[in-house]
mmCIF file of all heavy atoms, coordinates in Angstrom:
data_MODEL
# 
_entry.id   MODEL 
# 
loop_
_atom_site.group_PDB 
_atom_site.id 
_atom_site.type_symbol 
_atom_site.label_atom_id 
_atom_site.label_alt_id 
_atom_site.label_comp_id 
_atom_site.label_asym_id 
_atom_site.label_entity_id 
_atom_site.label_seq_id 
_atom_site.pdbx_PDB_ins_code 
_atom_site.Cartn_x 
_atom_site.Cartn_y 
_atom_site.Cartn_z 
_atom_site.occupancy 
_atom_site.B_iso_or_equiv 
_atom_site.pdbx_formal_charge 
_atom_site.auth_seq_id 
_atom_site.auth_comp_id 
_atom_site.auth_asym_id 
_atom_site.auth_atom_id 
_atom_site.pdbx_PDB_model_num 
ATOM 1   N N   . ILE A 1 1  ? 0.825  -1.251 -0.043 1.00 0.00 ? 1  ILE A N   1 
ATOM 2   C CA  . ILE A 1 1  ? -0.005 -0.042 -0.070 1.00 0.00 ? 1  ILE A CA  1 
ATOM 3   C C   . ILE A 1 1  ? 0.841  1.228  -0.018 1.00 0.00 ? 1  ILE A C   1 
ATOM 4   O O   . ILE A 1 1  ? 0.438  2.124  -0.521 1.00 0.00 ? 1  ILE A O   1 
ATOM 5   C CB  . ILE A 1 1  ? -0.822 0.027  1.219  1.00 0.00 ? 1  ILE A CB  1 
ATOM 6   C CG1 . ILE A 1 1  ? -1.881 -1.090 1.140  1.00 0.00 ? 1  ILE A CG1 1 
ATOM 7   C CG2 . ILE A 1 1  ? -1.805 1.352  1.433  1.00 0.00 ? 1  ILE A CG2 1 
ATOM 8   C CD1 . ILE A 1 1  ? -2.652 -1.402 2.401  1.00 0.00 ? 1  ILE A CD1 1 
ATOM 9   N N   . SER A 1 2  ? 2.103  1.133  0.502  1.00 0.00 ? 2  SER A N   1 
ATOM 10  C CA  . SER A 1 2  ? 2.801  2.423  0.733  1.00 0.00 ? 2  SER A CA  1 
ATOM 11  C C   . SER A 1 2  ? 3.182  3.109  -0.458 1.00 0.00 ? 2  SER A C   1 
ATOM 12  O O   . SER A 1 2  ? 3.433  4.354  -0.453 1.00 0.00 ? 2  SER A O   1 
ATOM 13  C CB  . SER A 1 2  ? 4.157  2.045  1.577  1.00 0.00 ? 2  SER A CB  1 
ATOM 14  O OG  . SER A 1 2  ? 4.819  1.215  0.928  1.00 0.00 ? 2  SER A OG  1 
ATOM 15  N N   . ALA A 1 3  ? 3.150  2.457  -1.652 1.00 0.00 ? 3  ALA A N   1 
ATOM 16  C CA  . ALA A 1 3  ? 3.393  3.215  -2.827 1.00 0.00 ? 3  ALA A CA  1 
ATOM 17  C C   . ALA A 1 3  ? 2.310  4.264  -3.217 1.00 0.00 ? 3  ALA A C   1 
ATOM 18  O O   . ALA A 1 3  ? 2.569  5.193  -4.036 1.00 0.00 ? 3  ALA A O   1 
ATOM 19  C CB  . ALA A 1 3  ? 3.419  2.110  -4.024 1.00 0.00 ? 3  ALA A CB  1 
ATOM 20  N N   . PHE A 1 4  ? 1.221  4.023  -2.506 1.00 0.00 ? 4  PHE A N   1 
ATOM 21  C CA  . PHE A 1 4  ? 0.098  4.899  -2.967 1.00 0.00 ? 4  PHE A CA  1 
ATOM 22  C C   . PHE A 1 4  ? -0.172 5.967  -1.890 1.00 0.00 ? 4  PHE A C   1 
ATOM 23  O O   . PHE A 1 4  ? -1.352 6.607  -1.799 1.00 0.00 ? 4  PHE A O   1 
ATOM 24  C CB  . PHE A 1 4  ? -1.165 4.014  -3.080 1.00 0.00 ? 4  PHE A CB  1 
ATOM 25  C CG  . PHE A 1 4  ? -1.058 2.918  -4.192 1.00 0.00 ? 4  PHE A CG  1 
ATOM 26  C CD1 . PHE A 1 4  ? -0.873 1.606  -3.836 1.00 0.00 ? 4  PHE A CD1 1 
ATOM 27  C CD2 . PHE A 1 4  ? -0.858 3.458  -5.435 1.00 0.00 ? 4  PHE A CD2 1 
ATOM 28  C CE1 . PHE A 1 4  ? -0.706 0.727  -4.851 1.00 0.00 ? 4  PHE A CE1 1 
ATOM 29  C CE2 . PHE A 1 4  ? -0.601 2.324  -6.385 1.00 0.00 ? 4  PHE A CE2 1 
ATOM 30  C CZ  . PHE A 1 4  ? -0.541 1.075  -6.153 1.00 0.00 ? 4  PHE A CZ  1 
ATOM 31  N N   . LEU A 1 5  ? 0.742  6.131  -0.861 1.00 0.00 ? 5  LEU A N   1 
ATOM 32  C CA  . LEU A 1 5  ? 0.316  7.016  0.198  1.00 0.00 ? 5  LEU A CA  1 
ATOM 33  C C   . LEU A 1 5  ? 0.918  8.418  -0.197 1.00 0.00 ? 5  LEU A C   1 
ATOM 34  O O   . LEU A 1 5  ? 1.773  8.612  -1.154 1.00 0.00 ? 5  LEU A O   1 
ATOM 35  C CB  . LEU A 1 5  ? 1.121  6.569  1.458  1.00 0.00 ? 5  LEU A CB  1 
ATOM 36  C CG  . LEU A 1 5  ? 0.775  5.194  1.985  1.00 0.00 ? 5  LEU A CG  1 
ATOM 37  C CD1 . LEU A 1 5  ? 1.668  5.023  3.293  1.00 0.00 ? 5  LEU A CD1 1 
ATOM 38  C CD2 . LEU A 1 5  ? -0.683 5.079  2.263  1.00 0.00 ? 5  LEU A CD2 1 
ATOM 39  N N   . PRO A 1 6  ? 0.293  9.551  0.455  1.00 0.00 ? 6  PRO A N   1 
ATOM 40  C CA  . PRO A 1 6  ? 0.834  10.861 0.155  1.00 0.00 ? 6  PRO A CA  1 
ATOM 41  C C   . PRO A 1 6  ? 2.301  10.882 0.609  1.00 0.00 ? 6  PRO A C   1 
ATOM 42  O O   . PRO A 1 6  ? 2.699  10.107 1.519  1.00 0.00 ? 6  PRO A O   1 
ATOM 43  C CB  . PRO A 1 6  ? -0.060 11.757 0.932  1.00 0.00 ? 6  PRO A CB  1 
ATOM 44  C CG  . PRO A 1 6  ? -1.211 10.982 1.441  1.00 0.00 ? 6  PRO A CG  1 
ATOM 45  C CD  . PRO A 1 6  ? -0.813 9.522  1.292  1.00 0.00 ? 6  PRO A CD  1 
ATOM 46  N N   . PRO A 1 7  ? 3.145  11.827 0.172  1.00 0.00 ? 7  PRO A N   1 
ATOM 47  C CA  . PRO A 1 7  ? 4.589  11.886 0.633  1.00 0.00 ? 7  PRO A CA  1 
ATOM 48  C C   . PRO A 1 7  ? 4.537  12.027 2.222  1.00 0.00 ? 7  PRO A C   1 
ATOM 49  O O   . PRO A 1 7  ? 3.834  12.868 2.688  1.00 0.00 ? 7  PRO A O   1 
ATOM 50  C CB  . PRO A 1 7  ? 5.155  13.041 -0.026 1.00 0.00 ? 7  PRO A CB  1 
ATOM 51  C CG  . PRO A 1 7  ? 4.207  13.337 -1.266 1.00 0.00 ? 7  PRO A CG  1 
ATOM 52  C CD  . PRO A 1 7  ? 2.809  12.756 -0.907 1.00 0.00 ? 7  PRO A CD  1 
ATOM 53  N N   . CYS A 1 8  ? 5.429  11.258 2.806  1.00 0.00 ? 8  CYS A N   1 
ATOM 54  C CA  . CYS A 1 8  ? 5.399  11.253 4.404  1.00 0.00 ? 8  CYS A CA  1 
ATOM 55  C C   . CYS A 1 8  ? 6.745  11.967 4.727  1.00 0.00 ? 8  CYS A C   1 
ATOM 56  O O   . CYS A 1 8  ? 7.764  11.484 4.409  1.00 0.00 ? 8  CYS A O   1 
ATOM 57  C CB  . CYS A 1 8  ? 5.302  9.877  4.825  1.00 0.00 ? 8  CYS A CB  1 
ATOM 58  S SG  . CYS A 1 8  ? 5.495  9.748  6.555  1.00 0.00 ? 8  CYS A SG  1 
ATOM 59  N N   . HIS A 1 9  ? 6.552  13.085 5.480  1.00 0.00 ? 9  HIS A N   1 
ATOM 60  C CA  . HIS A 1 9  ? 7.757  13.742 5.883  1.00 0.00 ? 9  HIS A CA  1 
ATOM 61  C C   . HIS A 1 9  ? 8.030  13.303 7.478  1.00 0.00 ? 9  HIS A C   1 
ATOM 62  O O   . HIS A 1 9  ? 7.467  13.910 8.414  1.00 0.00 ? 9  HIS A O   1 
ATOM 63  C CB  . HIS A 1 9  ? 7.567  15.283 5.902  1.00 0.00 ? 9  HIS A CB  1 
ATOM 64  C CG  . HIS A 1 9  ? 7.188  15.758 4.637  1.00 0.00 ? 9  HIS A CG  1 
ATOM 65  N ND1 . HIS A 1 9  ? 8.151  16.011 3.566  1.00 0.00 ? 9  HIS A ND1 1 
ATOM 66  C CD2 . HIS A 1 9  ? 5.926  15.955 3.963  1.00 0.00 ? 9  HIS A CD2 1 
ATOM 67  C CE1 . HIS A 1 9  ? 7.460  16.267 2.424  1.00 0.00 ? 9  HIS A CE1 1 
ATOM 68  N NE2 . HIS A 1 9  ? 6.195  16.360 2.663  1.00 0.00 ? 9  HIS A NE2 1 
ATOM 69  N N   . GLU A 1 10 ? 8.804  12.169 7.570  1.00 0.00 ? 10 GLU A N   1 
ATOM 70  C CA  . GLU A 1 10 ? 8.986  11.484 8.841  1.00 0.00 ? 10 GLU A CA  1 
ATOM 71  C C   . GLU A 1 10 ? 9.653  12.386 9.940  1.00 0.00 ? 10 GLU A C   1 
ATOM 72  O O   . GLU A 1 10 ? 9.440  12.122 11.115 1.00 0.00 ? 10 GLU A O   1 
ATOM 73  C CB  . GLU A 1 10 ? 9.759  10.318 8.617  1.00 0.00 ? 10 GLU A CB  1 
ATOM 74  C CG  . GLU A 1 10 ? 9.079  9.145  7.884  1.00 0.00 ? 10 GLU A CG  1 
ATOM 75  C CD  . GLU A 1 10 ? 9.771  7.857  7.939  1.00 0.00 ? 10 GLU A CD  1 
ATOM 76  O OE1 . GLU A 1 10 ? 10.142 7.331  9.057  1.00 0.00 ? 10 GLU A OE1 1 
ATOM 77  O OE2 . GLU A 1 10 ? 9.977  7.163  6.825  1.00 0.00 ? 10 GLU A OE2 1 
ATOM 78  N N   . ASP A 1 11 ? 10.536 13.341 9.444  1.00 0.00 ? 11 ASP A N   1 
ATOM 79  C CA  . ASP A 1 11 ? 11.217 14.048 10.377 1.00 0.00 ? 11 ASP A CA  1 
ATOM 80  C C   . ASP A 1 11 ? 10.534 15.361 10.825 1.00 0.00 ? 11 ASP A C   1 
ATOM 81  O O   . ASP A 1 11 ? 11.009 16.263 11.401 1.00 0.00 ? 11 ASP A O   1 
ATOM 82  C CB  . ASP A 1 11 ? 12.573 14.380 9.951  1.00 0.00 ? 11 ASP A CB  1 
ATOM 83  C CG  . ASP A 1 11 ? 12.400 15.035 8.345  1.00 0.00 ? 11 ASP A CG  1 
ATOM 84  O OD1 . ASP A 1 11 ? 11.389 15.063 7.963  1.00 0.00 ? 11 ASP A OD1 1 
ATOM 85  O OD2 . ASP A 1 11 ? 13.578 15.304 7.779  1.00 0.00 ? 11 ASP A OD2 1 
ATOM 86  N N   . ALA A 1 12 ? 9.161  15.426 10.565 1.00 0.00 ? 12 ALA A N   1 
ATOM 87  C CA  . ALA A 1 12 ? 8.445  16.684 10.843 1.00 0.00 ? 12 ALA A CA  1 
ATOM 88  C C   . ALA A 1 12 ? 8.391  16.931 12.318 1.00 0.00 ? 12 ALA A C   1 
ATOM 89  O O   . ALA A 1 12 ? 8.478  15.973 13.110 1.00 0.00 ? 12 ALA A O   1 
ATOM 90  C CB  . ALA A 1 12 ? 7.061  16.468 10.334 1.00 0.00 ? 12 ALA A CB  1 
ATOM 91  N N   . ASP A 1 13 ? 8.274  18.111 12.739 1.00 0.00 ? 13 ASP A N   1 
ATOM 92  C CA  . ASP A 1 13 ? 8.156  18.529 14.139 1.00 0.00 ? 13 ASP A CA  1 
ATOM 93  C C   . ASP A 1 13 ? 6.738  18.570 14.570 1.00 0.00 ? 13 ASP A C   1 
ATOM 94  O O   . ASP A 1 13 ? 6.509  18.724 15.826 1.00 0.00 ? 13 ASP A O   1 
ATOM 95  C CB  . ASP A 1 13 ? 8.891  19.933 14.351 1.00 0.00 ? 13 ASP A CB  1 
ATOM 96  C CG  . ASP A 1 13 ? 10.372 19.752 14.117 1.00 0.00 ? 13 ASP A CG  1 
ATOM 97  O OD1 . ASP A 1 13 ? 10.914 18.758 14.201 1.00 0.00 ? 13 ASP A OD1 1 
ATOM 98  O OD2 . ASP A 1 13 ? 10.869 20.920 13.611 1.00 0.00 ? 13 ASP A OD2 1 
ATOM 99  N N   . ARG A 1 14 ? 5.832  18.803 13.601 1.00 0.00 ? 14 ARG A N   1 
ATOM 100 C CA  . ARG A 1 14 ? 4.405  18.958 14.015 1.00 0.00 ? 14 ARG A CA  1 
ATOM 101 C C   . ARG A 1 14 ? 3.648  17.962 13.124 1.00 0.00 ? 14 ARG A C   1 
ATOM 102 O O   . ARG A 1 14 ? 3.907  17.612 11.957 1.00 0.00 ? 14 ARG A O   1 
ATOM 103 C CB  . ARG A 1 14 ? 3.908  20.349 13.714 1.00 0.00 ? 14 ARG A CB  1 
ATOM 104 C CG  . ARG A 1 14 ? 4.767  21.443 14.298 1.00 0.00 ? 14 ARG A CG  1 
ATOM 105 C CD  . ARG A 1 14 ? 4.328  22.821 13.898 1.00 0.00 ? 14 ARG A CD  1 
ATOM 106 N NE  . ARG A 1 14 ? 4.256  23.018 12.360 1.00 0.00 ? 14 ARG A NE  1 
ATOM 107 C CZ  . ARG A 1 14 ? 3.597  24.016 11.827 1.00 0.00 ? 14 ARG A CZ  1 
ATOM 108 N NH1 . ARG A 1 14 ? 3.039  24.966 12.567 1.00 0.00 ? 14 ARG A NH1 1 
ATOM 109 N NH2 . ARG A 1 14 ? 3.573  24.014 10.538 1.00 0.00 ? 14 ARG A NH2 1 
ATOM 110 N N   . PRO A 1 15 ? 2.422  17.434 13.698 1.00 0.00 ? 15 PRO A N   1 
ATOM 111 C CA  . PRO A 1 15 ? 1.626  16.693 12.877 1.00 0.00 ? 15 PRO A CA  1 
ATOM 112 C C   . PRO A 1 15 ? 1.125  17.133 11.543 1.00 0.00 ? 15 PRO A C   1 
ATOM 113 O O   . PRO A 1 15 ? 1.227  16.356 10.553 1.00 0.00 ? 15 PRO A O   1 
ATOM 114 C CB  . PRO A 1 15 ? 0.398  16.293 13.801 1.00 0.00 ? 15 PRO A CB  1 
ATOM 115 C CG  . PRO A 1 15 ? 0.865  16.710 15.170 1.00 0.00 ? 15 PRO A CG  1 
ATOM 116 C CD  . PRO A 1 15 ? 1.860  17.649 15.152 1.00 0.00 ? 15 PRO A CD  1 
ATOM 117 N N   . GLU A 1 16 ? 0.991  18.457 11.480 1.00 0.00 ? 16 GLU A N   1 
ATOM 118 C CA  . GLU A 1 16 ? 0.477  18.964 10.199 1.00 0.00 ? 16 GLU A CA  1 
ATOM 119 C C   . GLU A 1 16 ? 1.561  18.975 9.147  1.00 0.00 ? 16 GLU A C   1 
ATOM 120 O O   . GLU A 1 16 ? 1.333  19.220 7.933  1.00 0.00 ? 16 GLU A O   1 
ATOM 121 C CB  . GLU A 1 16 ? -0.145 20.295 10.364 1.00 0.00 ? 16 GLU A CB  1 
ATOM 122 C CG  . GLU A 1 16 ? 0.873  21.395 10.998 1.00 0.00 ? 16 GLU A CG  1 
ATOM 123 C CD  . GLU A 1 16 ? 0.619  21.457 12.604 1.00 0.00 ? 16 GLU A CD  1 
ATOM 124 O OE1 . GLU A 1 16 ? 0.482  20.347 13.201 1.00 0.00 ? 16 GLU A OE1 1 
ATOM 125 O OE2 . GLU A 1 16 ? 0.610  22.628 13.065 1.00 0.00 ? 16 GLU A OE2 1 
ATOM 126 N N   . ASP A 1 17 ? 2.791  18.704 9.508  1.00 0.00 ? 17 ASP A N   1 
ATOM 127 C CA  . ASP A 1 17 ? 3.926  18.665 8.398  1.00 0.00 ? 17 ASP A CA  1 
ATOM 128 C C   . ASP A 1 17 ? 4.177  17.295 8.108  1.00 0.00 ? 17 ASP A C   1 
ATOM 129 O O   . ASP A 1 17 ? 5.034  17.115 7.174  1.00 0.00 ? 17 ASP A O   1 
ATOM 130 C CB  . ASP A 1 17 ? 5.123  19.331 8.989  1.00 0.00 ? 17 ASP A CB  1 
ATOM 131 C CG  . ASP A 1 17 ? 4.894  20.781 9.260  1.00 0.00 ? 17 ASP A CG  1 
ATOM 132 O OD1 . ASP A 1 17 ? 4.016  21.457 8.498  1.00 0.00 ? 17 ASP A OD1 1 
ATOM 133 O OD2 . ASP A 1 17 ? 5.556  21.454 10.105 1.00 0.00 ? 17 ASP A OD2 1 
ATOM 134 N N   . VAL A 1 18 ? 3.531  16.322 8.658  1.00 0.00 ? 18 VAL A N   1 
ATOM 135 C CA  . VAL A 1 18 ? 3.846  14.866 8.284  1.00 0.00 ? 18 VAL A CA  1 
ATOM 136 C C   . VAL A 1 18 ? 3.323  14.623 6.886  1.00 0.00 ? 18 VAL A C   1 
ATOM 137 O O   . VAL A 1 18 ? 4.004  14.157 5.973  1.00 0.00 ? 18 VAL A O   1 
ATOM 138 C CB  . VAL A 1 18 ? 3.318  13.901 9.332  1.00 0.00 ? 18 VAL A CB  1 
ATOM 139 C CG1 . VAL A 1 18 ? 3.518  12.463 8.856  1.00 0.00 ? 18 VAL A CG1 1 
ATOM 140 C CG2 . VAL A 1 18 ? 3.849  14.055 10.724 1.00 0.00 ? 18 VAL A CG2 1 
ATOM 141 N N   . TYR A 1 19 ? 2.143  14.871 6.622  1.00 0.00 ? 19 TYR A N   1 
ATOM 142 C CA  . TYR A 1 19 ? 1.331  14.813 5.392  1.00 0.00 ? 19 TYR A CA  1 
ATOM 143 C C   . TYR A 1 19 ? 1.072  16.310 5.096  1.00 0.00 ? 19 TYR A C   1 
ATOM 144 O O   . TYR A 1 19 ? 0.004  16.704 5.476  1.00 0.00 ? 19 TYR A O   1 
ATOM 145 C CB  . TYR A 1 19 ? 0.275  13.922 5.332  1.00 0.00 ? 19 TYR A CB  1 
ATOM 146 C CG  . TYR A 1 19 ? 0.582  12.476 5.545  1.00 0.00 ? 19 TYR A CG  1 
ATOM 147 C CD1 . TYR A 1 19 ? 0.202  11.838 6.897  1.00 0.00 ? 19 TYR A CD1 1 
ATOM 148 C CD2 . TYR A 1 19 ? 1.350  11.750 4.697  1.00 0.00 ? 19 TYR A CD2 1 
ATOM 149 C CE1 . TYR A 1 19 ? 0.741  10.634 7.193  1.00 0.00 ? 19 TYR A CE1 1 
ATOM 150 C CE2 . TYR A 1 19 ? 1.747  10.447 5.073  1.00 0.00 ? 19 TYR A CE2 1 
ATOM 151 C CZ  . TYR A 1 19 ? 1.413  10.019 6.195  1.00 0.00 ? 19 TYR A CZ  1 
ATOM 152 O OH  . TYR A 1 19 ? 1.921  8.660  6.545  1.00 0.00 ? 19 TYR A OH  1 
ATOM 153 N N   . LYS A 1 20 ? 1.858  16.935 4.291  1.00 0.00 ? 20 LYS A N   1 
ATOM 154 C CA  . LYS A 1 20 ? 1.633  18.380 4.087  1.00 0.00 ? 20 LYS A CA  1 
ATOM 155 C C   . LYS A 1 20 ? 0.347  18.619 3.283  1.00 0.00 ? 20 LYS A C   1 
ATOM 156 O O   . LYS A 1 20 ? 0.137  17.899 2.333  1.00 0.00 ? 20 LYS A O   1 
ATOM 157 C CB  . LYS A 1 20 ? 2.856  19.047 3.290  1.00 0.00 ? 20 LYS A CB  1 
ATOM 158 C CG  . LYS A 1 20 ? 4.093  19.024 4.257  1.00 0.00 ? 20 LYS A CG  1 
ATOM 159 C CD  . LYS A 1 20 ? 5.152  19.959 3.675  1.00 0.00 ? 20 LYS A CD  1 
ATOM 160 C CE  . LYS A 1 20 ? 6.289  20.120 4.879  1.00 0.00 ? 20 LYS A CE  1 
ATOM 161 N NZ  . LYS A 1 20 ? 7.502  20.162 4.285  1.00 0.00 ? 20 LYS A NZ  1 
ATOM 162 N N   . PHE A 1 21 ? -0.277 19.662 3.590  1.00 0.00 ? 21 PHE A N   1 
ATOM 163 C CA  . PHE A 1 21 ? -1.561 20.036 2.982  1.00 0.00 ? 21 PHE A CA  1 
ATOM 164 C C   . PHE A 1 21 ? -1.299 20.242 1.454  1.00 0.00 ? 21 PHE A C   1 
ATOM 165 O O   . PHE A 1 21 ? -2.024 19.779 0.667  1.00 0.00 ? 21 PHE A O   1 
ATOM 166 C CB  . PHE A 1 21 ? -2.159 21.382 3.658  1.00 0.00 ? 21 PHE A CB  1 
ATOM 167 C CG  . PHE A 1 21 ? -3.573 21.686 3.049  1.00 0.00 ? 21 PHE A CG  1 
ATOM 168 C CD1 . PHE A 1 21 ? -4.643 20.906 3.586  1.00 0.00 ? 21 PHE A CD1 1 
ATOM 169 C CD2 . PHE A 1 21 ? -3.840 22.694 2.156  1.00 0.00 ? 21 PHE A CD2 1 
ATOM 170 C CE1 . PHE A 1 21 ? -5.902 21.111 3.093  1.00 0.00 ? 21 PHE A CE1 1 
ATOM 171 C CE2 . PHE A 1 21 ? -5.059 22.863 1.700  1.00 0.00 ? 21 PHE A CE2 1 
ATOM 172 C CZ  . PHE A 1 21 ? -6.097 22.068 2.244  1.00 0.00 ? 21 PHE A CZ  1 
ATOM 173 N N   . GLU A 1 22 ? -0.175 20.893 1.000  1.00 0.00 ? 22 GLU A N   1 
ATOM 174 C CA  . GLU A 1 22 ? 0.189  21.150 -0.290 1.00 0.00 ? 22 GLU A CA  1 
ATOM 175 C C   . GLU A 1 22 ? 0.312  19.818 -1.082 1.00 0.00 ? 22 GLU A C   1 
ATOM 176 O O   . GLU A 1 22 ? 0.323  19.861 -2.317 1.00 0.00 ? 22 GLU A O   1 
ATOM 177 C CB  . GLU A 1 22 ? 1.358  22.054 -0.462 1.00 0.00 ? 22 GLU A CB  1 
ATOM 178 C CG  . GLU A 1 22 ? 1.503  23.419 0.290  1.00 0.00 ? 22 GLU A CG  1 
ATOM 179 C CD  . GLU A 1 22 ? 1.795  23.128 1.748  1.00 0.00 ? 22 GLU A CD  1 
ATOM 180 O OE1 . GLU A 1 22 ? 3.010  22.914 1.998  1.00 0.00 ? 22 GLU A OE1 1 
ATOM 181 O OE2 . GLU A 1 22 ? 0.831  23.241 2.572  1.00 0.00 ? 22 GLU A OE2 1 
ATOM 182 N N   . ASP A 1 23 ? 0.689  18.838 -0.424 1.00 0.00 ? 23 ASP A N   1 
ATOM 183 C CA  . ASP A 1 23 ? 0.820  17.415 -1.194 1.00 0.00 ? 23 ASP A CA  1 
ATOM 184 C C   . ASP A 1 23 ? -0.459 16.839 -1.441 1.00 0.00 ? 23 ASP A C   1 
ATOM 185 O O   . ASP A 1 23 ? -0.639 16.010 -2.280 1.00 0.00 ? 23 ASP A O   1 
ATOM 186 C CB  . ASP A 1 23 ? 1.731  16.579 -0.260 1.00 0.00 ? 23 ASP A CB  1 
ATOM 187 C CG  . ASP A 1 23 ? 3.170  16.974 -0.246 1.00 0.00 ? 23 ASP A CG  1 
ATOM 188 O OD1 . ASP A 1 23 ? 3.666  17.590 -1.012 1.00 0.00 ? 23 ASP A OD1 1 
ATOM 189 O OD2 . ASP A 1 23 ? 3.788  16.634 0.782  1.00 0.00 ? 23 ASP A OD2 1 
ATOM 190 N N   . ILE A 1 24 ? -1.608 17.325 -0.846 1.00 0.00 ? 24 ILE A N   1 
ATOM 191 C CA  . ILE A 1 24 ? -2.887 16.920 -0.950 1.00 0.00 ? 24 ILE A CA  1 
ATOM 192 C C   . ILE A 1 24 ? -3.624 17.899 -2.065 1.00 0.00 ? 24 ILE A C   1 
ATOM 193 O O   . ILE A 1 24 ? -4.238 17.260 -2.995 1.00 0.00 ? 24 ILE A O   1 
ATOM 194 C CB  . ILE A 1 24 ? -3.700 16.819 0.251  1.00 0.00 ? 24 ILE A CB  1 
ATOM 195 C CG1 . ILE A 1 24 ? -3.031 15.917 1.305  1.00 0.00 ? 24 ILE A CG1 1 
ATOM 196 C CG2 . ILE A 1 24 ? -5.126 16.303 0.014  1.00 0.00 ? 24 ILE A CG2 1 
ATOM 197 C CD1 . ILE A 1 24 ? -3.614 16.077 2.752  1.00 0.00 ? 24 ILE A CD1 1 
# 
């Protein structure tokens, strides 16, 4: 499934930066 996920920013400091709004 992971191939189909939005880009994940694992090193983000805040939850809102893990899956960035601009990537959606």
